[in-house]
């Protein structure tokens, strides 16, 4: 998402550009209706990482502490990529699915509504 400066002559250095992440890109991940997490997590991952590895290995680092994590039925989960409905292909690289630097992935779990239904 582009950021616009308040003054037209601003020339600051962009420090979160993809080139500063040593071959990785930042992907933001949020679990809708699960208020134990106040915001999406930022994960530095290689663009060639498959969606399956993102879901099954990387996401665990951030979301596993939630008491409902182990109860997710991934076949029923729905996804948004940058606000648009998204159907992940598990064995395809992130970049080949349009998931690039600073993309926001959100997922919903219709059977789970957060700790003690806090996300209802």
C-alpha atoms as a PDB file:
ATOM      1  CA  UNK A   1       0.000   0.000   0.000  1.00  0.00           C
ATOM      2  CA  UNK A   2       1.484   3.363  -0.931  1.00  0.00           C
ATOM      3  CA  UNK A   3       2.154   5.962   1.722  1.00  0.00           C
ATOM      4  CA  UNK A   4       1.883   9.629   0.869  1.00  0.00           C
ATOM      5  CA  UNK A   5       3.948  12.270   2.647  1.00  0.00           C
ATOM      6  CA  UNK A   6       2.351  15.396   4.048  1.00  0.00           C
ATOM      7  CA  UNK A   7       4.793  17.554   2.119  1.00  0.00           C
ATOM      8  CA  UNK A   8       5.563  17.136  -1.573  1.00  0.00           C
ATOM      9  CA  UNK A   9       9.326  17.517  -1.045  1.00  0.00           C
ATOM     10  CA  UNK A  10       9.699  14.694   1.521  1.00  0.00           C
ATOM     11  CA  UNK A  11      12.475  12.263   0.509  1.00  0.00           C
ATOM     12  CA  UNK A  12      12.827   9.761   3.370  1.00  0.00           C
ATOM     13  CA  UNK A  13      14.428   6.365   2.933  1.00  0.00           C
ATOM     14  CA  UNK A  14      12.017   3.442   2.667  1.00  0.00           C
ATOM     15  CA  UNK A  15      13.295   0.979   5.253  1.00  0.00           C
ATOM     16  CA  UNK A  16      10.698  -1.758   4.858  1.00  0.00           C
ATOM     17  CA  UNK A  17      11.280  -2.399   1.162  1.00  0.00           C
ATOM     18  CA  UNK A  18      11.593  -6.036   0.148  1.00  0.00           C
ATOM     19  CA  UNK A  19      15.315  -5.667  -0.591  1.00  0.00           C
ATOM     20  CA  UNK A  20      15.998  -5.183   3.113  1.00  0.00           C
ATOM     21  CA  UNK A  21      14.718  -8.632   4.107  1.00  0.00           C
ATOM     22  CA  UNK A  22      17.547 -10.821   2.760  1.00  0.00           C
ATOM     23  CA  UNK A  23      15.509 -12.722   0.188  1.00  0.00           C
ATOM     24  CA  UNK A  24      12.360 -12.838   2.303  1.00  0.00           C
ATOM     25  CA  UNK A  25       9.166 -10.871   2.053  1.00  0.00           C
ATOM     26  CA  UNK A  26       6.873  -9.794   4.868  1.00  0.00           C
ATOM     27  CA  UNK A  27       3.453 -11.452   4.921  1.00  0.00           C
ATOM     28  CA  UNK A  28       0.883 -10.257   7.447  1.00  0.00           C
ATOM     29  CA  UNK A  29      -1.492 -12.893   8.841  1.00  0.00           C
ATOM     30  CA  UNK A  30      -4.602 -12.300  10.918  1.00  0.00           C
ATOM     31  CA  UNK A  31      -7.207 -14.646  12.391  1.00  0.00           C
ATOM     32  CA  UNK A  32     -10.556 -12.870  12.256  1.00  0.00           C
ATOM     33  CA  UNK A  33     -12.749 -12.916  15.391  1.00  0.00           C
ATOM     34  CA  UNK A  34      -9.912 -14.124  17.590  1.00  0.00           C
ATOM     35  CA  UNK A  35      -9.300 -11.150  19.813  1.00  0.00           C
ATOM     36  CA  UNK A  36      -6.478 -12.747  21.775  1.00  0.00           C
ATOM     37  CA  UNK A  37      -4.332 -11.276  18.990  1.00  0.00           C
ATOM     38  CA  UNK A  38      -4.697  -7.513  18.637  1.00  0.00           C
ATOM     39  CA  UNK A  39      -3.328  -7.306  15.110  1.00  0.00           C
ATOM     40  CA  UNK A  40      -2.038  -9.387  12.235  1.00  0.00           C
ATOM     41  CA  UNK A  41       1.348 -11.018  12.745  1.00  0.00           C
ATOM     42  CA  UNK A  42       4.213 -10.129  10.395  1.00  0.00           C
ATOM     43  CA  UNK A  43       6.189 -13.131   9.181  1.00  0.00           C
ATOM     44  CA  UNK A  44       9.368 -12.827   7.074  1.00  0.00           C
ATOM     45  CA  UNK A  45       9.169 -15.726   4.620  1.00  0.00           C
ATOM     46  CA  UNK A  46      10.729 -16.620   1.278  1.00  0.00           C
ATOM     47  CA  UNK A  47       8.426 -15.862  -1.662  1.00  0.00           C
ATOM     48  CA  UNK A  48       8.949 -19.450  -2.864  1.00  0.00           C
ATOM     49  CA  UNK A  49       7.497 -20.921   0.353  1.00  0.00           C
ATOM     50  CA  UNK A  50       4.409 -23.024  -0.354  1.00  0.00           C
ATOM     51  CA  UNK A  51       1.124 -22.103   1.227  1.00  0.00           C
ATOM     52  CA  UNK A  52       1.066 -25.481   2.985  1.00  0.00           C
ATOM     53  CA  UNK A  53       4.362 -24.722   4.749  1.00  0.00           C
ATOM     54  CA  UNK A  54       3.139 -21.246   5.643  1.00  0.00           C
ATOM     55  CA  UNK A  55      -0.022 -22.674   7.196  1.00  0.00           C
ATOM     56  CA  UNK A  56       1.387 -25.803   8.814  1.00  0.00           C
ATOM     57  CA  UNK A  57       4.774 -24.580  10.026  1.00  0.00           C
ATOM     58  CA  UNK A  58       5.119 -20.799  10.000  1.00  0.00           C
ATOM     59  CA  UNK A  59       1.685 -19.810  11.308  1.00  0.00           C
ATOM     60  CA  UNK A  60       2.061 -22.173  14.241  1.00  0.00           C
ATOM     61  CA  UNK A  61       4.736 -19.861  15.691  1.00  0.00           C
ATOM     62  CA  UNK A  62       2.245 -17.057  16.185  1.00  0.00           C
ATOM     63  CA  UNK A  63      -1.139 -18.676  16.583  1.00  0.00           C
ATOM     64  CA  UNK A  64      -0.531 -21.934  18.476  1.00  0.00           C
ATOM     65  CA  UNK A  65      -0.891 -20.314  21.935  1.00  0.00           C
ATOM     66  CA  UNK A  66      -4.585 -19.742  21.195  1.00  0.00           C
ATOM     67  CA  UNK A  67      -6.701 -22.469  22.853  1.00  0.00           C
ATOM     68  CA  UNK A  68      -8.684 -23.036  19.633  1.00  0.00           C
ATOM     69  CA  UNK A  69      -5.707 -23.418  17.290  1.00  0.00           C
ATOM     70  CA  UNK A  70      -5.645 -27.224  17.452  1.00  0.00           C
ATOM     71  CA  UNK A  71      -9.380 -27.360  16.673  1.00  0.00           C
ATOM     72  CA  UNK A  72      -9.219 -25.585  13.306  1.00  0.00           C
ATOM     73  CA  UNK A  73     -10.829 -27.481  10.446  1.00  0.00           C
ATOM     74  CA  UNK A  74      -8.743 -26.141   7.562  1.00  0.00           C
ATOM     75  CA  UNK A  75     -11.209 -27.537   5.031  1.00  0.00           C
ATOM     76  CA  UNK A  76     -13.829 -25.111   6.371  1.00  0.00           C
ATOM     77  CA  UNK A  77     -11.554 -22.100   6.828  1.00  0.00           C
ATOM     78  CA  UNK A  78     -12.038 -19.160   4.472  1.00  0.00           C
ATOM     79  CA  UNK A  79      -9.348 -16.709   3.389  1.00  0.00           C
ATOM     80  CA  UNK A  80      -8.971 -13.114   2.265  1.00  0.00           C
ATOM     81  CA  UNK A  81      -5.919 -11.766   0.478  1.00  0.00           C
ATOM     82  CA  UNK A  82      -5.684  -7.990   0.683  1.00  0.00           C
ATOM     83  CA  UNK A  83      -9.430  -7.828   1.323  1.00  0.00           C
ATOM     84  CA  UNK A  84     -10.443 -10.104  -1.563  1.00  0.00           C
ATOM     85  CA  UNK A  85     -11.761 -13.670  -1.339  1.00  0.00           C
ATOM     86  CA  UNK A  86      -8.837 -16.036  -1.806  1.00  0.00           C
ATOM     87  CA  UNK A  87      -8.595 -19.795  -2.380  1.00  0.00           C
ATOM     88  CA  UNK A  88      -5.088 -20.928  -1.426  1.00  0.00           C
ATOM     89  CA  UNK A  89      -3.326 -23.602  -3.429  1.00  0.00           C
ATOM     90  CA  UNK A  90      -1.447 -25.579  -0.801  1.00  0.00           C
ATOM     91  CA  UNK A  91       1.509 -26.734  -2.871  1.00  0.00           C
ATOM     92  CA  UNK A  92       2.075 -23.541  -4.880  1.00  0.00           C
ATOM     93  CA  UNK A  93       4.583 -20.841  -3.920  1.00  0.00           C
ATOM     94  CA  UNK A  94       3.203 -17.756  -2.208  1.00  0.00           C
ATOM     95  CA  UNK A  95       4.485 -15.396  -4.896  1.00  0.00           C
ATOM     96  CA  UNK A  96       2.835 -17.495  -7.623  1.00  0.00           C
ATOM     97  CA  UNK A  97      -0.510 -16.957  -5.884  1.00  0.00           C
ATOM     98  CA  UNK A  98      -0.143 -13.189  -5.705  1.00  0.00           C
ATOM     99  CA  UNK A  99       1.060 -13.131  -2.101  1.00  0.00           C
ATOM    100  CA  UNK A 100       3.892 -10.641  -2.233  1.00  0.00           C
ATOM    101  CA  UNK A 101       5.740  -8.257   0.083  1.00  0.00           C
ATOM    102  CA  UNK A 102       3.422  -6.766   2.729  1.00  0.00           C
ATOM    103  CA  UNK A 103       0.367  -8.743   1.609  1.00  0.00           C
ATOM    104  CA  UNK A 104      -2.318  -9.202   4.255  1.00  0.00           C
ATOM    105  CA  UNK A 105      -3.817 -12.672   4.574  1.00  0.00           C
ATOM    106  CA  UNK A 106      -6.802 -13.084   6.887  1.00  0.00           C
ATOM    107  CA  UNK A 107      -8.571 -16.302   7.699  1.00  0.00           C
ATOM    108  CA  UNK A 108     -11.887 -17.127   9.291  1.00  0.00           C
ATOM    109  CA  UNK A 109     -12.855 -20.331  11.061  1.00  0.00           C
ATOM    110  CA  UNK A 110     -16.660 -20.550  10.968  1.00  0.00           C
ATOM    111  CA  UNK A 111     -16.886 -23.145  13.740  1.00  0.00           C
ATOM    112  CA  UNK A 112     -14.605 -21.228  16.119  1.00  0.00           C
ATOM    113  CA  UNK A 113     -15.452 -17.777  17.460  1.00  0.00           C
ATOM    114  CA  UNK A 114     -12.552 -16.996  19.756  1.00  0.00           C
ATOM    115  CA  UNK A 115     -11.797 -17.799  23.359  1.00  0.00           C
ATOM    116  CA  UNK A 116     -15.120 -18.120  25.211  1.00  0.00           C
ATOM    117  CA  UNK A 117     -16.827 -16.784  22.053  1.00  0.00           C
ATOM    118  CA  UNK A 118     -15.172 -13.380  22.488  1.00  0.00           C
ATOM    119  CA  UNK A 119     -15.142 -12.792  18.730  1.00  0.00           C
ATOM    120  CA  UNK A 120     -18.884 -13.203  18.194  1.00  0.00           C
END
